[in-house]
């Protein structure tokens, strides 16, 4: 278990769900419930069960960092069961909008549930009480969906979490010079060596690193080595299952959770 001390505040949690080689994370605070990415289609029912187990009966925000099927596949099943106030997605050039079944089902569900959709980019943000979610990137369009990922900085009571989606080295380079220092880094692209490069890590300097990866697709050893050299404490869903991060009384606590 990792801990970082600080000032007194109310509880905030973010649970990084074990959805294999995919992504899904749930934010809960006294002011909001937010789902960032929806795993694969096959993990949609599991995510819904986890949301129900957490007592979540509506979402203030649903975020798709980018429209790859391992990041939005489960949304269609969740949208029909839980009201969603707003849906965020990156603004993409027409040639990058996928023709996958998962994308079609998600947008059908958004339309049928009349969920408001907002295309966001660098500079956009939303505030829920003490929780602020800022979009740091993309600021320019790239040639692929990974490098058009929504990169989010989530802050609560002076603590910060940097969520990288599937951003690769090219997108990391566009972020250099931004205020990237954070307490927790949600590692980009499932720990692939396409991401989390040395120059980027020097600026981010995380105390804790979270990697969402599958047992058959573990993080790259060079990425793990780079993270170890920064001194970050590393957690992996392929080893630890669901990972619960709590900010309470100014302290960050991380603990693996048994999945349902």
C-alpha atoms as a PDB file:
ATOM      1  CA  UNK A   1       0.000   0.000   0.000  1.00  0.00           C
ATOM      2  CA  UNK A   2       1.297   3.445  -0.923  1.00  0.00           C
ATOM      3  CA  UNK A   3       0.686   6.621   1.051  1.00  0.00           C
ATOM      4  CA  UNK A   4       1.344  10.326   0.500  1.00  0.00           C
ATOM      5  CA  UNK A   5       0.521  12.779   3.294  1.00  0.00           C
ATOM      6  CA  UNK A   6      -1.292  16.121   3.012  1.00  0.00           C
ATOM      7  CA  UNK A   7      -4.084  18.358   4.340  1.00  0.00           C
ATOM      8  CA  UNK A   8      -7.525  17.345   5.575  1.00  0.00           C
ATOM      9  CA  UNK A   9     -10.238  16.742   2.971  1.00  0.00           C
ATOM     10  CA  UNK A  10     -13.212  14.510   2.166  1.00  0.00           C
ATOM     11  CA  UNK A  11     -12.865  11.176   0.394  1.00  0.00           C
ATOM     12  CA  UNK A  12     -12.306  10.764  -3.337  1.00  0.00           C
ATOM     13  CA  UNK A  13     -11.807   7.407  -5.022  1.00  0.00           C
ATOM     14  CA  UNK A  14     -10.839   6.227  -8.476  1.00  0.00           C
ATOM     15  CA  UNK A  15     -11.035   2.527  -9.227  1.00  0.00           C
ATOM     16  CA  UNK A  16      -9.014   1.206 -12.147  1.00  0.00           C
ATOM     17  CA  UNK A  17     -11.010  -1.829 -13.233  1.00  0.00           C
ATOM     18  CA  UNK A  18      -9.416  -5.085 -14.296  1.00  0.00           C
ATOM     19  CA  UNK A  19     -10.874  -5.405 -17.799  1.00  0.00           C
ATOM     20  CA  UNK A  20      -7.969  -7.249 -19.418  1.00  0.00           C
ATOM     21  CA  UNK A  21      -6.112  -5.562 -22.265  1.00  0.00           C
ATOM     22  CA  UNK A  22      -8.518  -2.624 -22.157  1.00  0.00           C
ATOM     23  CA  UNK A  23      -9.350   0.431 -20.034  1.00  0.00           C
ATOM     24  CA  UNK A  24     -12.043   1.510 -17.578  1.00  0.00           C
ATOM     25  CA  UNK A  25     -11.788   3.713 -14.485  1.00  0.00           C
ATOM     26  CA  UNK A  26     -14.498   4.946 -12.113  1.00  0.00           C
ATOM     27  CA  UNK A  27     -14.277   8.203 -10.153  1.00  0.00           C
ATOM     28  CA  UNK A  28     -16.440   8.728  -7.072  1.00  0.00           C
ATOM     29  CA  UNK A  29     -16.514  11.790  -4.844  1.00  0.00           C
ATOM     30  CA  UNK A  30     -19.155  13.557  -2.758  1.00  0.00           C
ATOM     31  CA  UNK A  31     -19.861  15.639  -5.880  1.00  0.00           C
ATOM     32  CA  UNK A  32     -19.708  13.251  -8.846  1.00  0.00           C
ATOM     33  CA  UNK A  33     -19.572   9.822 -10.419  1.00  0.00           C
ATOM     34  CA  UNK A  34     -17.499   9.586 -13.613  1.00  0.00           C
ATOM     35  CA  UNK A  35     -16.595   6.674 -15.898  1.00  0.00           C
ATOM     36  CA  UNK A  36     -13.464   7.059 -18.014  1.00  0.00           C
ATOM     37  CA  UNK A  37     -13.449   4.512 -20.855  1.00  0.00           C
ATOM     38  CA  UNK A  38     -15.643   1.444 -21.095  1.00  0.00           C
ATOM     39  CA  UNK A  39     -13.444  -1.551 -21.838  1.00  0.00           C
ATOM     40  CA  UNK A  40     -14.398  -4.059 -24.527  1.00  0.00           C
ATOM     41  CA  UNK A  41     -17.952  -5.065 -25.417  1.00  0.00           C
ATOM     42  CA  UNK A  42     -17.477  -8.280 -23.433  1.00  0.00           C
ATOM     43  CA  UNK A  43     -16.552  -6.316 -20.299  1.00  0.00           C
ATOM     44  CA  UNK A  44     -19.617  -4.044 -20.421  1.00  0.00           C
ATOM     45  CA  UNK A  45     -21.708  -6.261 -18.117  1.00  0.00           C
ATOM     46  CA  UNK A  46     -18.861  -6.536 -15.625  1.00  0.00           C
ATOM     47  CA  UNK A  47     -18.418  -2.760 -15.538  1.00  0.00           C
ATOM     48  CA  UNK A  48     -22.145  -2.305 -14.983  1.00  0.00           C
ATOM     49  CA  UNK A  49     -22.046  -4.788 -12.077  1.00  0.00           C
ATOM     50  CA  UNK A  50     -19.122  -2.926 -10.545  1.00  0.00           C
ATOM     51  CA  UNK A  51     -20.931   0.396 -10.884  1.00  0.00           C
ATOM     52  CA  UNK A  52     -24.015  -1.098  -9.224  1.00  0.00           C
ATOM     53  CA  UNK A  53     -21.879  -2.597  -6.444  1.00  0.00           C
ATOM     54  CA  UNK A  54     -20.405   0.881  -5.856  1.00  0.00           C
ATOM     55  CA  UNK A  55     -23.925   2.279  -5.470  1.00  0.00           C
ATOM     56  CA  UNK A  56     -23.731   4.292  -8.687  1.00  0.00           C
ATOM     57  CA  UNK A  57     -27.166   4.725 -10.288  1.00  0.00           C
ATOM     58  CA  UNK A  58     -26.212   7.588 -12.617  1.00  0.00           C
ATOM     59  CA  UNK A  59     -23.059   9.072 -14.134  1.00  0.00           C
ATOM     60  CA  UNK A  60     -22.351  12.782 -14.207  1.00  0.00           C
ATOM     61  CA  UNK A  61     -19.814  12.231 -16.975  1.00  0.00           C
ATOM     62  CA  UNK A  62     -18.785   9.384 -19.282  1.00  0.00           C
ATOM     63  CA  UNK A  63     -15.481   9.894 -21.088  1.00  0.00           C
ATOM     64  CA  UNK A  64     -14.130   8.068 -24.098  1.00  0.00           C
ATOM     65  CA  UNK A  65     -10.438   8.901 -24.410  1.00  0.00           C
ATOM     66  CA  UNK A  66     -10.417   7.627 -28.013  1.00  0.00           C
ATOM     67  CA  UNK A  67     -12.709   5.387 -30.060  1.00  0.00           C
ATOM     68  CA  UNK A  68     -10.717   2.144 -30.124  1.00  0.00           C
ATOM     69  CA  UNK A  69     -12.933  -0.815 -29.276  1.00  0.00           C
ATOM     70  CA  UNK A  70     -11.017  -1.671 -26.073  1.00  0.00           C
ATOM     71  CA  UNK A  71     -11.904   1.779 -24.713  1.00  0.00           C
ATOM     72  CA  UNK A  72     -15.568   2.193 -25.705  1.00  0.00           C
ATOM     73  CA  UNK A  73     -16.800  -1.342 -26.326  1.00  0.00           C
ATOM     74  CA  UNK A  74     -18.774  -1.674 -23.085  1.00  0.00           C
ATOM     75  CA  UNK A  75     -20.446   1.743 -23.185  1.00  0.00           C
ATOM     76  CA  UNK A  76     -23.491   0.640 -25.169  1.00  0.00           C
ATOM     77  CA  UNK A  77     -24.515  -1.833 -22.448  1.00  0.00           C
ATOM     78  CA  UNK A  78     -24.003   0.720 -19.677  1.00  0.00           C
ATOM     79  CA  UNK A  79     -25.835   3.593 -21.393  1.00  0.00           C
ATOM     80  CA  UNK A  80     -29.098   1.635 -21.543  1.00  0.00           C
ATOM     81  CA  UNK A  81     -28.955   0.857 -17.805  1.00  0.00           C
ATOM     82  CA  UNK A  82     -27.574   3.998 -16.138  1.00  0.00           C
ATOM     83  CA  UNK A  83     -28.506   7.627 -16.963  1.00  0.00           C
ATOM     84  CA  UNK A  84     -25.502   9.651 -18.156  1.00  0.00           C
ATOM     85  CA  UNK A  85     -25.519  13.447 -17.924  1.00  0.00           C
ATOM     86  CA  UNK A  86     -22.784  14.095 -20.490  1.00  0.00           C
ATOM     87  CA  UNK A  87     -20.491  12.164 -22.832  1.00  0.00           C
ATOM     88  CA  UNK A  88     -17.004  13.405 -23.755  1.00  0.00           C
ATOM     89  CA  UNK A  89     -15.042  12.249 -26.771  1.00  0.00           C
ATOM     90  CA  UNK A  90     -12.097  13.668 -28.724  1.00  0.00           C
ATOM     91  CA  UNK A  91     -12.786  15.717 -31.827  1.00  0.00           C
ATOM     92  CA  UNK A  92     -11.537  13.580 -34.709  1.00  0.00           C
ATOM     93  CA  UNK A  93     -11.067  14.231 -38.417  1.00  0.00           C
ATOM     94  CA  UNK A  94     -13.569  12.288 -40.511  1.00  0.00           C
ATOM     95  CA  UNK A  95     -10.971   9.787 -41.746  1.00  0.00           C
ATOM     96  CA  UNK A  96     -10.252   8.640 -38.180  1.00  0.00           C
ATOM     97  CA  UNK A  97     -13.856   7.962 -37.176  1.00  0.00           C
ATOM     98  CA  UNK A  98     -13.972   4.160 -36.955  1.00  0.00           C
ATOM     99  CA  UNK A  99     -16.444   1.899 -38.728  1.00  0.00           C
ATOM    100  CA  UNK A 100     -16.392  -0.715 -35.968  1.00  0.00           C
ATOM    101  CA  UNK A 101     -19.483  -2.362 -34.514  1.00  0.00           C
ATOM    102  CA  UNK A 102     -18.499  -1.064 -31.061  1.00  0.00           C
ATOM    103  CA  UNK A 103     -18.414   2.547 -32.245  1.00  0.00           C
ATOM    104  CA  UNK A 104     -21.747   2.167 -34.042  1.00  0.00           C
ATOM    105  CA  UNK A 105     -23.447   0.576 -31.017  1.00  0.00           C
ATOM    106  CA  UNK A 106     -22.088   3.252 -28.677  1.00  0.00           C
ATOM    107  CA  UNK A 107     -23.383   6.107 -30.801  1.00  0.00           C
ATOM    108  CA  UNK A 108     -26.719   4.377 -31.326  1.00  0.00           C
ATOM    109  CA  UNK A 109     -27.051   4.082 -27.536  1.00  0.00           C
ATOM    110  CA  UNK A 110     -26.064   7.722 -27.060  1.00  0.00           C
ATOM    111  CA  UNK A 111     -28.715   8.792 -29.577  1.00  0.00           C
ATOM    112  CA  UNK A 112     -31.465   6.548 -28.194  1.00  0.00           C
ATOM    113  CA  UNK A 113     -30.809   7.649 -24.600  1.00  0.00           C
ATOM    114  CA  UNK A 114     -30.508  11.296 -25.715  1.00  0.00           C
ATOM    115  CA  UNK A 115     -27.177  11.628 -23.928  1.00  0.00           C
ATOM    116  CA  UNK A 116     -25.508  14.977 -24.717  1.00  0.00           C
ATOM    117  CA  UNK A 117     -22.208  14.529 -26.578  1.00  0.00           C
ATOM    118  CA  UNK A 118     -19.359  17.028 -26.333  1.00  0.00           C
ATOM    119  CA  UNK A 119     -16.208  16.851 -28.467  1.00  0.00           C
ATOM    120  CA  UNK A 120     -13.405  18.200 -26.293  1.00  0.00           C
ATOM    121  CA  UNK A 121      -9.748  19.112 -26.762  1.00  0.00           C
ATOM    122  CA  UNK A 122      -6.884  20.862 -24.950  1.00  0.00           C
ATOM    123  CA  UNK A 123      -8.173  23.698 -22.767  1.00  0.00           C
ATOM    124  CA  UNK A 124     -11.572  22.207 -21.975  1.00  0.00           C
ATOM    125  CA  UNK A 125     -12.404  21.340 -18.376  1.00  0.00           C
ATOM    126  CA  UNK A 126     -15.232  20.506 -16.013  1.00  0.00           C
ATOM    127  CA  UNK A 127     -15.571  21.032 -12.259  1.00  0.00           C
ATOM    128  CA  UNK A 128     -17.554  18.922  -9.785  1.00  0.00           C
ATOM    129  CA  UNK A 129     -17.125  20.515  -6.368  1.00  0.00           C
ATOM    130  CA  UNK A 130     -13.506  19.851  -5.392  1.00  0.00           C
ATOM    131  CA  UNK A 131     -12.887  17.651  -8.449  1.00  0.00           C
ATOM    132  CA  UNK A 132     -11.505  19.274 -11.602  1.00  0.00           C
ATOM    133  CA  UNK A 133     -10.998  17.370 -14.837  1.00  0.00           C
ATOM    134  CA  UNK A 134      -8.821  19.208 -17.364  1.00  0.00           C
ATOM    135  CA  UNK A 135      -8.123  18.190 -20.951  1.00  0.00           C
ATOM    136  CA  UNK A 136      -4.415  18.706 -21.669  1.00  0.00           C
ATOM    137  CA  UNK A 137      -4.386  17.148 -25.141  1.00  0.00           C
ATOM    138  CA  UNK A 138      -4.951  16.840 -28.070  1.00  0.00           C
ATOM    139  CA  UNK A 139      -4.243  20.383 -29.202  1.00  0.00           C
ATOM    140  CA  UNK A 140      -3.685  19.369 -32.846  1.00  0.00           C
ATOM    141  CA  UNK A 141      -4.978  16.434 -34.887  1.00  0.00           C
ATOM    142  CA  UNK A 142      -2.675  13.452 -35.328  1.00  0.00           C
ATOM    143  CA  UNK A 143      -2.728  10.763 -38.002  1.00  0.00           C
ATOM    144  CA  UNK A 144      -4.105   7.991 -35.767  1.00  0.00           C
ATOM    145  CA  UNK A 145      -6.598   7.547 -32.934  1.00  0.00           C
ATOM    146  CA  UNK A 146      -4.022   6.693 -30.247  1.00  0.00           C
ATOM    147  CA  UNK A 147      -2.259  10.035 -30.649  1.00  0.00           C
ATOM    148  CA  UNK A 148      -5.611  11.815 -30.557  1.00  0.00           C
ATOM    149  CA  UNK A 149      -6.315  10.423 -27.089  1.00  0.00           C
ATOM    150  CA  UNK A 150      -7.858  12.697 -24.506  1.00  0.00           C
ATOM    151  CA  UNK A 151      -5.120  13.256 -21.930  1.00  0.00           C
ATOM    152  CA  UNK A 152      -6.798  14.251 -18.664  1.00  0.00           C
ATOM    153  CA  UNK A 153      -5.450  15.801 -15.489  1.00  0.00           C
ATOM    154  CA  UNK A 154      -7.726  15.170 -12.534  1.00  0.00           C
ATOM    155  CA  UNK A 155      -7.154  17.207  -9.398  1.00  0.00           C
ATOM    156  CA  UNK A 156      -8.674  16.907  -5.948  1.00  0.00           C
ATOM    157  CA  UNK A 157      -7.549  18.703  -2.810  1.00  0.00           C
ATOM    158  CA  UNK A 158      -4.102  19.487  -4.208  1.00  0.00           C
ATOM    159  CA  UNK A 159      -3.493  15.963  -5.497  1.00  0.00           C
ATOM    160  CA  UNK A 160      -3.396  15.081  -9.182  1.00  0.00           C
ATOM    161  CA  UNK A 161      -3.855  12.091 -11.477  1.00  0.00           C
ATOM    162  CA  UNK A 162      -2.675  12.152 -15.094  1.00  0.00           C
ATOM    163  CA  UNK A 163      -4.692   9.873 -17.392  1.00  0.00           C
ATOM    164  CA  UNK A 164      -2.909   9.175 -20.684  1.00  0.00           C
ATOM    165  CA  UNK A 165      -5.394   7.064 -22.683  1.00  0.00           C
ATOM    166  CA  UNK A 166      -3.387   5.403 -25.452  1.00  0.00           C
ATOM    167  CA  UNK A 167      -1.191   8.449 -26.126  1.00  0.00           C
ATOM    168  CA  UNK A 168       2.105   7.427 -27.696  1.00  0.00           C
ATOM    169  CA  UNK A 169       5.495   9.122 -27.939  1.00  0.00           C
ATOM    170  CA  UNK A 170       4.339  11.595 -30.610  1.00  0.00           C
ATOM    171  CA  UNK A 171       1.540  12.917 -28.407  1.00  0.00           C
ATOM    172  CA  UNK A 172       3.775  12.894 -25.321  1.00  0.00           C
ATOM    173  CA  UNK A 173       6.178  15.191 -27.170  1.00  0.00           C
ATOM    174  CA  UNK A 174       3.379  17.733 -27.774  1.00  0.00           C
ATOM    175  CA  UNK A 175       2.809  17.833 -24.007  1.00  0.00           C
ATOM    176  CA  UNK A 176       6.395  18.578 -22.988  1.00  0.00           C
ATOM    177  CA  UNK A 177       6.486  21.984 -21.362  1.00  0.00           C
ATOM    178  CA  UNK A 178       2.969  21.646 -19.936  1.00  0.00           C
ATOM    179  CA  UNK A 179       2.414  21.316 -16.196  1.00  0.00           C
ATOM    180  CA  UNK A 180       2.675  17.525 -16.148  1.00  0.00           C
ATOM    181  CA  UNK A 181       3.907  16.832 -12.619  1.00  0.00           C
ATOM    182  CA  UNK A 182       1.433  14.569 -10.869  1.00  0.00           C
ATOM    183  CA  UNK A 183       1.074  12.257  -7.907  1.00  0.00           C
ATOM    184  CA  UNK A 184      -0.392   9.393  -9.938  1.00  0.00           C
ATOM    185  CA  UNK A 185       0.235   8.463 -13.567  1.00  0.00           C
ATOM    186  CA  UNK A 186      -2.248   6.248 -15.390  1.00  0.00           C
ATOM    187  CA  UNK A 187       0.336   4.865 -17.820  1.00  0.00           C
ATOM    188  CA  UNK A 188      -0.392   5.298 -21.522  1.00  0.00           C
ATOM    189  CA  UNK A 189      -1.241   2.503 -23.986  1.00  0.00           C
ATOM    190  CA  UNK A 190      -1.382  -0.304 -21.403  1.00  0.00           C
ATOM    191  CA  UNK A 191       2.354  -0.094 -20.701  1.00  0.00           C
ATOM    192  CA  UNK A 192       3.374  -0.516 -24.345  1.00  0.00           C
ATOM    193  CA  UNK A 193       6.855   0.652 -25.337  1.00  0.00           C
ATOM    194  CA  UNK A 194       5.228   3.088 -27.778  1.00  0.00           C
ATOM    195  CA  UNK A 195       4.594   5.310 -24.737  1.00  0.00           C
ATOM    196  CA  UNK A 196       5.952   6.522 -21.392  1.00  0.00           C
ATOM    197  CA  UNK A 197       9.260   7.698 -22.797  1.00  0.00           C
ATOM    198  CA  UNK A 198      12.108   8.993 -20.648  1.00  0.00           C
ATOM    199  CA  UNK A 199      11.770  12.738 -21.408  1.00  0.00           C
ATOM    200  CA  UNK A 200       8.059  12.573 -20.669  1.00  0.00           C
ATOM    201  CA  UNK A 201       8.575  10.711 -17.389  1.00  0.00           C
ATOM    202  CA  UNK A 202      11.148  13.248 -16.223  1.00  0.00           C
ATOM    203  CA  UNK A 203       8.502  15.961 -16.401  1.00  0.00           C
ATOM    204  CA  UNK A 204       5.692  13.866 -14.943  1.00  0.00           C
ATOM    205  CA  UNK A 205       7.725  12.486 -12.016  1.00  0.00           C
ATOM    206  CA  UNK A 206       4.907  10.357 -10.554  1.00  0.00           C
ATOM    207  CA  UNK A 207       4.987   8.784  -7.114  1.00  0.00           C
ATOM    208  CA  UNK A 208       2.520   6.090  -8.194  1.00  0.00           C
ATOM    209  CA  UNK A 209       1.990   4.455 -11.605  1.00  0.00           C
ATOM    210  CA  UNK A 210      -1.099   2.464 -12.583  1.00  0.00           C
ATOM    211  CA  UNK A 211      -1.089   0.177 -15.639  1.00  0.00           C
ATOM    212  CA  UNK A 212      -4.223  -1.378 -17.131  1.00  0.00           C
ATOM    213  CA  UNK A 213      -3.094  -4.512 -18.974  1.00  0.00           C
ATOM    214  CA  UNK A 214      -4.080  -8.096 -19.674  1.00  0.00           C
ATOM    215  CA  UNK A 215      -2.375 -11.287 -18.539  1.00  0.00           C
ATOM    216  CA  UNK A 216      -1.552 -12.120 -22.166  1.00  0.00           C
ATOM    217  CA  UNK A 217      -0.487  -8.516 -22.867  1.00  0.00           C
ATOM    218  CA  UNK A 218       1.670  -7.476 -19.882  1.00  0.00           C
ATOM    219  CA  UNK A 219       3.505  -4.144 -19.749  1.00  0.00           C
ATOM    220  CA  UNK A 220       6.759  -3.841 -21.657  1.00  0.00           C
ATOM    221  CA  UNK A 221       9.806  -4.510 -19.473  1.00  0.00           C
ATOM    222  CA  UNK A 222      11.546  -1.341 -20.697  1.00  0.00           C
ATOM    223  CA  UNK A 223       8.556   0.732 -19.607  1.00  0.00           C
ATOM    224  CA  UNK A 224       8.587  -0.921 -16.186  1.00  0.00           C
ATOM    225  CA  UNK A 225      12.324  -0.240 -15.950  1.00  0.00           C
ATOM    226  CA  UNK A 226      11.837   3.439 -16.808  1.00  0.00           C
ATOM    227  CA  UNK A 227       9.097   3.725 -14.175  1.00  0.00           C
ATOM    228  CA  UNK A 228      11.260   2.004 -11.554  1.00  0.00           C
ATOM    229  CA  UNK A 229      14.053   4.487 -12.259  1.00  0.00           C
ATOM    230  CA  UNK A 230      11.706   7.384 -11.487  1.00  0.00           C
ATOM    231  CA  UNK A 231      11.015   5.793  -8.095  1.00  0.00           C
ATOM    232  CA  UNK A 232       7.322   5.268  -8.855  1.00  0.00           C
ATOM    233  CA  UNK A 233       5.421   2.549  -7.026  1.00  0.00           C
ATOM    234  CA  UNK A 234       3.821   0.420  -9.765  1.00  0.00           C
ATOM    235  CA  UNK A 235       0.448  -1.325  -9.783  1.00  0.00           C
ATOM    236  CA  UNK A 236      -0.832  -3.475 -12.662  1.00  0.00           C
ATOM    237  CA  UNK A 237      -4.365  -4.767 -13.202  1.00  0.00           C
ATOM    238  CA  UNK A 238      -2.974  -7.974 -14.746  1.00  0.00           C
ATOM    239  CA  UNK A 239      -1.294  -8.695 -11.393  1.00  0.00           C
ATOM    240  CA  UNK A 240      -3.372  -6.795  -8.849  1.00  0.00           C
ATOM    241  CA  UNK A 241      -6.916  -6.970 -10.263  1.00  0.00           C
ATOM    242  CA  UNK A 242      -9.068  -3.908  -9.645  1.00  0.00           C
ATOM    243  CA  UNK A 243      -6.965  -1.120  -8.124  1.00  0.00           C
ATOM    244  CA  UNK A 244      -8.621   1.302  -5.704  1.00  0.00           C
ATOM    245  CA  UNK A 245      -6.991   4.691  -5.176  1.00  0.00           C
ATOM    246  CA  UNK A 246      -8.365   6.820  -2.347  1.00  0.00           C
ATOM    247  CA  UNK A 247      -7.624  10.425  -1.436  1.00  0.00           C
ATOM    248  CA  UNK A 248      -8.784  11.131   2.099  1.00  0.00           C
ATOM    249  CA  UNK A 249      -7.536  13.611   4.679  1.00  0.00           C
ATOM    250  CA  UNK A 250      -4.929  14.642   2.125  1.00  0.00           C
ATOM    251  CA  UNK A 251      -3.410  11.158   1.896  1.00  0.00           C
ATOM    252  CA  UNK A 252      -3.291   8.934  -1.189  1.00  0.00           C
ATOM    253  CA  UNK A 253      -3.835   5.259  -0.502  1.00  0.00           C
ATOM    254  CA  UNK A 254      -3.684   2.511  -3.125  1.00  0.00           C
ATOM    255  CA  UNK A 255      -4.965  -1.006  -2.603  1.00  0.00           C
ATOM    256  CA  UNK A 256      -5.903  -3.920  -4.896  1.00  0.00           C
ATOM    257  CA  UNK A 257      -9.544  -5.008  -4.733  1.00  0.00           C
ATOM    258  CA  UNK A 258     -11.123  -8.382  -5.388  1.00  0.00           C
ATOM    259  CA  UNK A 259     -13.218  -8.361  -8.539  1.00  0.00           C
ATOM    260  CA  UNK A 260     -16.846  -9.469  -8.618  1.00  0.00           C
END
